[in-house]
Amino acid sequence: MTINLSYFATSIVEVDYYKYPFWASADLLTIVALFIVQGRRVKIPVLYYCAVGLVLNAMLHIVMHLDIVIQGNREPWWLWSLYSIGINLNDALMIIVLVVNRDFLGLCRAGRLLKTVFQRHAHG
């Protein structure tokens, strides 16, 4: 529901010049809202997949803003293709994980492994 509200809100607000930073901010605020809504409950794969997807989307939005607005680039190049594919792929993965609620790419497993490695390193 939180992600739906975020996407709906960003689709009805008309922003021209600063649309990429606006979308990046909305993605980052959505992550904060997801963790607030989840609270102290057991974290589920959906939360982590959506957080990773939204962070990647926010990074892509910022890079596009830097390229188009700051650098003034008007010629399409590989970054624009990466942006288009990346945003759509991230959104599709978030939709899939919202439906199935499974760790099908192993992100949660990888996160647990990293946590174990860092804990061992910190204590040992």
N, C-alpha and C. Protein backbone atom coordinates (compact mmCIF):
# COMPACT_ATOMS: atom_id res chain seq x y z
N MET A 1 0.82 -1.19 0.00
CA MET A 1 0.00 0.00 0.00
C MET A 1 0.87 1.26 0.00
N THR A 2 1.95 1.23 0.77
CA THR A 2 2.84 2.38 0.87
C THR A 2 3.47 2.71 -0.48
N ILE A 3 3.92 1.67 -1.18
CA ILE A 3 4.54 1.88 -2.49
C ILE A 3 3.49 2.38 -3.48
N ASN A 4 2.29 1.84 -3.42
CA ASN A 4 1.21 2.30 -4.30
C ASN A 4 0.94 3.79 -4.09
N LEU A 5 0.88 4.20 -2.83
CA LEU A 5 0.64 5.62 -2.54
C LEU A 5 1.78 6.49 -3.06
N SER A 6 2.99 6.03 -2.92
CA SER A 6 4.14 6.79 -3.40
C SER A 6 4.09 6.96 -4.91
N TYR A 7 3.87 5.87 -5.62
CA TYR A 7 3.81 5.95 -7.09
C TYR A 7 2.63 6.80 -7.55
N PHE A 8 1.49 6.68 -6.86
CA PHE A 8 0.34 7.50 -7.22
C PHE A 8 0.64 8.98 -6.99
N ALA A 9 1.22 9.30 -5.84
CA ALA A 9 1.51 10.70 -5.52
C ALA A 9 2.49 11.31 -6.52
N THR A 10 3.50 10.56 -6.91
CA THR A 10 4.48 11.12 -7.86
C THR A 10 3.91 11.21 -9.27
N SER A 11 2.87 10.46 -9.55
CA SER A 11 2.29 10.52 -10.90
C SER A 11 1.32 11.69 -11.06
N ILE A 12 0.75 12.18 -9.97
CA ILE A 12 -0.20 13.28 -10.11
C ILE A 12 0.43 14.65 -9.90
N VAL A 13 1.63 14.68 -9.33
CA VAL A 13 2.34 15.94 -9.12
C VAL A 13 3.14 16.25 -10.38
N GLU A 14 2.94 17.43 -10.92
CA GLU A 14 3.63 17.81 -12.14
C GLU A 14 4.91 18.57 -11.81
N VAL A 15 6.03 17.96 -12.15
CA VAL A 15 7.35 18.54 -11.93
C VAL A 15 8.09 18.47 -13.25
N ASP A 16 8.73 19.57 -13.65
CA ASP A 16 9.41 19.55 -14.93
C ASP A 16 10.93 19.53 -14.75
N TYR A 17 11.49 20.63 -14.30
CA TYR A 17 12.94 20.80 -14.27
C TYR A 17 13.62 19.86 -13.28
N TYR A 18 13.04 19.68 -12.10
CA TYR A 18 13.65 18.87 -11.06
C TYR A 18 12.92 17.54 -10.87
N LYS A 19 12.44 16.95 -11.95
CA LYS A 19 11.67 15.72 -11.80
C LYS A 19 12.51 14.56 -11.29
N TYR A 20 13.76 14.45 -11.74
CA TYR A 20 14.59 13.33 -11.28
C TYR A 20 14.90 13.42 -9.78
N PRO A 21 15.31 14.57 -9.25
CA PRO A 21 15.49 14.65 -7.79
C PRO A 21 14.18 14.45 -7.02
N PHE A 22 13.08 14.90 -7.60
CA PHE A 22 11.77 14.70 -6.97
C PHE A 22 11.47 13.21 -6.86
N TRP A 23 11.67 12.47 -7.95
CA TRP A 23 11.42 11.03 -7.93
C TRP A 23 12.38 10.32 -6.98
N ALA A 24 13.64 10.75 -6.96
CA ALA A 24 14.62 10.15 -6.05
C ALA A 24 14.20 10.39 -4.59
N SER A 25 13.79 11.60 -4.28
CA SER A 25 13.33 11.91 -2.92
C SER A 25 12.11 11.08 -2.55
N ALA A 26 11.19 10.94 -3.48
CA ALA A 26 10.00 10.14 -3.22
C ALA A 26 10.37 8.68 -2.94
N ASP A 27 11.33 8.15 -3.69
CA ASP A 27 11.78 6.77 -3.45
C ASP A 27 12.41 6.63 -2.07
N LEU A 28 13.25 7.57 -1.69
CA LEU A 28 13.90 7.50 -0.39
C LEU A 28 12.90 7.68 0.76
N LEU A 29 11.95 8.58 0.59
CA LEU A 29 10.90 8.75 1.61
C LEU A 29 10.03 7.50 1.72
N THR A 30 9.81 6.84 0.60
CA THR A 30 9.04 5.60 0.61
C THR A 30 9.76 4.53 1.42
N ILE A 31 11.08 4.46 1.30
CA ILE A 31 11.85 3.49 2.09
C ILE A 31 11.66 3.78 3.59
N VAL A 32 11.78 5.03 3.96
CA VAL A 32 11.58 5.40 5.37
C VAL A 32 10.17 5.01 5.82
N ALA A 33 9.17 5.31 4.99
CA ALA A 33 7.79 4.97 5.34
C ALA A 33 7.61 3.45 5.47
N LEU A 34 8.24 2.69 4.59
CA LEU A 34 8.14 1.22 4.68
C LEU A 34 8.68 0.70 6.00
N PHE A 35 9.83 1.21 6.43
CA PHE A 35 10.41 0.75 7.69
C PHE A 35 9.60 1.23 8.89
N ILE A 36 9.00 2.40 8.80
CA ILE A 36 8.15 2.88 9.89
C ILE A 36 6.90 2.02 9.98
N VAL A 37 6.28 1.75 8.84
CA VAL A 37 5.07 0.92 8.82
C VAL A 37 5.38 -0.48 9.32
N GLN A 38 6.52 -1.02 8.93
CA GLN A 38 6.90 -2.38 9.35
C GLN A 38 7.18 -2.42 10.84
N GLY A 39 7.74 -1.33 11.35
CA GLY A 39 8.00 -1.23 12.79
C GLY A 39 8.88 -2.34 13.33
N ARG A 40 8.48 -2.88 14.45
CA ARG A 40 9.27 -3.92 15.12
C ARG A 40 8.87 -5.33 14.68
N ARG A 41 7.96 -5.41 13.73
CA ARG A 41 7.55 -6.73 13.25
C ARG A 41 8.71 -7.43 12.55
N VAL A 42 8.58 -8.71 12.39
CA VAL A 42 9.59 -9.49 11.67
C VAL A 42 9.69 -8.95 10.25
N LYS A 43 10.92 -8.68 9.85
CA LYS A 43 11.14 -8.13 8.51
C LYS A 43 10.93 -9.25 7.48
N ILE A 44 10.23 -8.93 6.42
CA ILE A 44 9.90 -9.92 5.40
C ILE A 44 10.66 -9.59 4.11
N PRO A 45 10.85 -10.57 3.23
CA PRO A 45 11.60 -10.33 1.99
C PRO A 45 11.10 -9.13 1.19
N VAL A 46 9.80 -8.92 1.19
CA VAL A 46 9.24 -7.79 0.43
C VAL A 46 9.89 -6.48 0.85
N LEU A 47 10.08 -6.29 2.13
CA LEU A 47 10.66 -5.05 2.64
C LEU A 47 12.06 -4.83 2.09
N TYR A 48 12.88 -5.85 2.14
CA TYR A 48 14.26 -5.72 1.69
C TYR A 48 14.34 -5.54 0.17
N TYR A 49 13.56 -6.30 -0.57
CA TYR A 49 13.58 -6.18 -2.03
C TYR A 49 13.11 -4.79 -2.46
N CYS A 50 12.05 -4.30 -1.82
CA CYS A 50 11.56 -2.97 -2.18
C CYS A 50 12.56 -1.89 -1.79
N ALA A 51 13.20 -2.04 -0.64
CA ALA A 51 14.20 -1.06 -0.22
C ALA A 51 15.37 -1.03 -1.21
N VAL A 52 15.86 -2.19 -1.59
CA VAL A 52 16.98 -2.25 -2.54
C VAL A 52 16.55 -1.67 -3.89
N GLY A 53 15.37 -2.06 -4.36
CA GLY A 53 14.87 -1.54 -5.63
C GLY A 53 14.70 -0.03 -5.61
N LEU A 54 14.17 0.50 -4.53
CA LEU A 54 13.96 1.94 -4.43
C LEU A 54 15.27 2.70 -4.32
N VAL A 55 16.25 2.14 -3.62
CA VAL A 55 17.57 2.78 -3.55
C VAL A 55 18.21 2.82 -4.94
N LEU A 56 18.14 1.70 -5.65
CA LEU A 56 18.69 1.68 -7.02
C LEU A 56 17.97 2.67 -7.92
N ASN A 57 16.64 2.72 -7.82
CA ASN A 57 15.88 3.69 -8.61
C ASN A 57 16.29 5.12 -8.27
N ALA A 58 16.44 5.42 -6.99
CA ALA A 58 16.84 6.77 -6.58
C ALA A 58 18.21 7.12 -7.14
N MET A 59 19.13 6.16 -7.11
CA MET A 59 20.46 6.42 -7.66
C MET A 59 20.39 6.69 -9.17
N LEU A 60 19.58 5.91 -9.87
CA LEU A 60 19.42 6.13 -11.31
C LEU A 60 18.81 7.50 -11.59
N HIS A 61 17.82 7.91 -10.79
CA HIS A 61 17.21 9.24 -10.97
C HIS A 61 18.24 10.34 -10.79
N ILE A 62 19.06 10.23 -9.76
CA ILE A 62 20.08 11.27 -9.50
C ILE A 62 21.10 11.32 -10.63
N VAL A 63 21.54 10.17 -11.11
CA VAL A 63 22.51 10.14 -12.21
C VAL A 63 21.92 10.77 -13.47
N MET A 64 20.66 10.50 -13.73
CA MET A 64 20.01 11.10 -14.90
C MET A 64 19.90 12.62 -14.74
N HIS A 65 19.60 13.08 -13.54
CA HIS A 65 19.54 14.52 -13.29
C HIS A 65 20.90 15.16 -13.54
N LEU A 66 21.95 14.52 -13.03
CA LEU A 66 23.30 15.04 -13.25
C LEU A 66 23.64 15.09 -14.74
N ASP A 67 23.25 14.07 -15.47
CA ASP A 67 23.58 13.99 -16.89
C ASP A 67 22.79 15.01 -17.71
N ILE A 68 21.48 15.06 -17.50
CA ILE A 68 20.63 15.89 -18.36
C ILE A 68 20.60 17.35 -17.91
N VAL A 69 20.38 17.58 -16.62
CA VAL A 69 20.20 18.95 -16.13
C VAL A 69 21.54 19.62 -15.83
N ILE A 70 22.39 18.96 -15.09
CA ILE A 70 23.66 19.57 -14.69
C ILE A 70 24.65 19.62 -15.85
N GLN A 71 24.85 18.47 -16.51
CA GLN A 71 25.80 18.42 -17.63
C GLN A 71 25.22 18.95 -18.93
N GLY A 72 23.89 19.00 -19.02
CA GLY A 72 23.24 19.52 -20.22
C GLY A 72 23.26 18.57 -21.41
N ASN A 73 23.44 17.29 -21.14
CA ASN A 73 23.50 16.30 -22.22
C ASN A 73 22.11 16.12 -22.84
N ARG A 74 22.05 16.17 -24.15
CA ARG A 74 20.78 15.99 -24.87
C ARG A 74 20.84 14.82 -25.84
N GLU A 75 22.01 14.22 -25.98
CA GLU A 75 22.19 13.10 -26.90
C GLU A 75 22.04 11.77 -26.14
N PRO A 76 21.15 10.90 -26.59
CA PRO A 76 21.01 9.60 -25.93
C PRO A 76 22.33 8.82 -25.96
N TRP A 77 22.62 8.13 -24.89
CA TRP A 77 23.80 7.27 -24.80
C TRP A 77 23.48 6.11 -23.87
N TRP A 78 24.44 5.23 -23.60
CA TRP A 78 24.18 4.00 -22.87
C TRP A 78 23.57 4.23 -21.49
N LEU A 79 23.87 5.35 -20.84
CA LEU A 79 23.31 5.63 -19.51
C LEU A 79 21.79 5.72 -19.59
N TRP A 80 21.28 6.33 -20.65
CA TRP A 80 19.84 6.47 -20.78
C TRP A 80 19.18 5.12 -20.95
N SER A 81 19.83 4.22 -21.66
CA SER A 81 19.31 2.85 -21.80
C SER A 81 19.36 2.12 -20.47
N LEU A 82 20.48 2.28 -19.75
CA LEU A 82 20.60 1.68 -18.42
C LEU A 82 19.49 2.19 -17.50
N TYR A 83 19.23 3.49 -17.56
CA TYR A 83 18.16 4.08 -16.74
C TYR A 83 16.81 3.44 -17.08
N SER A 84 16.48 3.40 -18.35
CA SER A 84 15.18 2.85 -18.77
C SER A 84 15.02 1.39 -18.37
N ILE A 85 16.04 0.61 -18.65
CA ILE A 85 15.98 -0.82 -18.31
C ILE A 85 16.00 -1.00 -16.79
N GLY A 86 16.88 -0.27 -16.11
CA GLY A 86 17.02 -0.41 -14.67
C GLY A 86 15.75 -0.06 -13.90
N ILE A 87 15.15 1.07 -14.24
CA ILE A 87 13.92 1.49 -13.55
C ILE A 87 12.82 0.46 -13.76
N ASN A 88 12.62 0.04 -15.01
CA ASN A 88 11.56 -0.92 -15.31
C ASN A 88 11.82 -2.29 -14.70
N LEU A 89 13.07 -2.74 -14.72
CA LEU A 89 13.41 -4.02 -14.12
C LEU A 89 13.22 -3.97 -12.60
N ASN A 90 13.67 -2.91 -11.96
CA ASN A 90 13.47 -2.78 -10.51
C ASN A 90 11.99 -2.76 -10.16
N ASP A 91 11.20 -2.01 -10.91
CA ASP A 91 9.77 -1.96 -10.64
C ASP A 91 9.12 -3.34 -10.83
N ALA A 92 9.53 -4.05 -11.89
CA ALA A 92 8.97 -5.38 -12.14
C ALA A 92 9.35 -6.34 -11.00
N LEU A 93 10.60 -6.29 -10.56
CA LEU A 93 11.03 -7.16 -9.45
C LEU A 93 10.27 -6.83 -8.17
N MET A 94 10.02 -5.55 -7.92
CA MET A 94 9.26 -5.19 -6.72
C MET A 94 7.83 -5.71 -6.81
N ILE A 95 7.23 -5.64 -7.98
CA ILE A 95 5.86 -6.15 -8.16
C ILE A 95 5.84 -7.66 -7.94
N ILE A 96 6.80 -8.37 -8.52
CA ILE A 96 6.86 -9.82 -8.37
C ILE A 96 7.01 -10.21 -6.91
N VAL A 97 7.92 -9.56 -6.21
CA VAL A 97 8.15 -9.92 -4.81
C VAL A 97 6.96 -9.52 -3.94
N LEU A 98 6.24 -8.47 -4.31
CA LEU A 98 5.02 -8.12 -3.58
C LEU A 98 3.97 -9.22 -3.72
N VAL A 99 3.95 -9.88 -4.86
CA VAL A 99 2.97 -10.94 -5.10
C VAL A 99 3.40 -12.25 -4.43
N VAL A 100 4.66 -12.64 -4.60
CA VAL A 100 5.08 -13.96 -4.12
C VAL A 100 5.71 -13.93 -2.72
N ASN A 101 6.23 -12.79 -2.28
CA ASN A 101 6.88 -12.64 -0.96
C ASN A 101 7.91 -13.75 -0.70
N ARG A 102 8.77 -13.96 -1.68
CA ARG A 102 9.83 -14.95 -1.56
C ARG A 102 11.17 -14.31 -1.90
N ASP A 103 12.21 -14.85 -1.32
CA ASP A 103 13.58 -14.38 -1.57
C ASP A 103 14.13 -15.11 -2.80
N PHE A 104 13.55 -14.85 -3.96
CA PHE A 104 13.89 -15.61 -5.16
C PHE A 104 15.25 -15.25 -5.75
N LEU A 105 15.84 -14.12 -5.40
CA LEU A 105 17.18 -13.77 -5.88
C LEU A 105 18.26 -13.99 -4.82
N GLY A 106 17.84 -14.37 -3.63
CA GLY A 106 18.80 -14.63 -2.56
C GLY A 106 19.32 -13.38 -1.86
N LEU A 107 18.62 -12.25 -1.98
CA LEU A 107 19.08 -11.01 -1.33
C LEU A 107 19.08 -11.15 0.20
N CYS A 108 18.03 -11.75 0.74
CA CYS A 108 17.96 -11.90 2.20
C CYS A 108 19.04 -12.86 2.68
N ARG A 109 19.26 -13.93 1.94
CA ARG A 109 20.31 -14.89 2.28
C ARG A 109 21.68 -14.21 2.24
N ALA A 110 21.92 -13.42 1.21
CA ALA A 110 23.19 -12.70 1.09
C ALA A 110 23.35 -11.69 2.23
N GLY A 111 22.26 -11.03 2.61
CA GLY A 111 22.31 -10.08 3.71
C GLY A 111 22.65 -10.75 5.02
N ARG A 112 22.06 -11.93 5.27
CA ARG A 112 22.37 -12.67 6.49
C ARG A 112 23.84 -13.11 6.50
N LEU A 113 24.34 -13.54 5.35
CA LEU A 113 25.74 -13.94 5.24
C LEU A 113 26.67 -12.77 5.53
N LEU A 114 26.38 -11.62 4.94
CA LEU A 114 27.20 -10.42 5.20
C LEU A 114 27.15 -10.02 6.67
N LYS A 115 25.97 -10.11 7.26
CA LYS A 115 25.83 -9.76 8.67
C LYS A 115 26.69 -10.68 9.53
N THR A 116 26.69 -11.97 9.22
CA THR A 116 27.49 -12.93 9.96
C THR A 116 28.98 -12.63 9.81
N VAL A 117 29.40 -12.33 8.60
CA VAL A 117 30.82 -12.03 8.34
C VAL A 117 31.24 -10.78 9.12
N PHE A 118 30.42 -9.74 9.08
CA PHE A 118 30.77 -8.50 9.79
C PHE A 118 30.75 -8.70 11.30
N GLN A 119 29.84 -9.51 11.81
CA GLN A 119 29.80 -9.76 13.25
C GLN A 119 31.04 -10.52 13.69
N ARG A 120 31.45 -11.50 12.90
CA ARG A 120 32.66 -12.26 13.23
C ARG A 120 33.89 -11.35 13.18
N HIS A 121 33.92 -10.47 12.19
CA HIS A 121 35.04 -9.55 12.06
C HIS A 121 35.08 -8.56 13.23
N ALA A 122 33.93 -8.10 13.67
CA ALA A 122 33.86 -7.12 14.77
C ALA A 122 34.24 -7.77 16.11
N HIS A 123 33.92 -9.03 16.28
CA HIS A 123 34.18 -9.71 17.56
C HIS A 123 35.50 -10.47 17.57
N GLY A 124 36.08 -10.60 16.43
CA GLY A 124 37.22 -11.49 16.42
C GLY A 124 38.45 -10.92 15.94
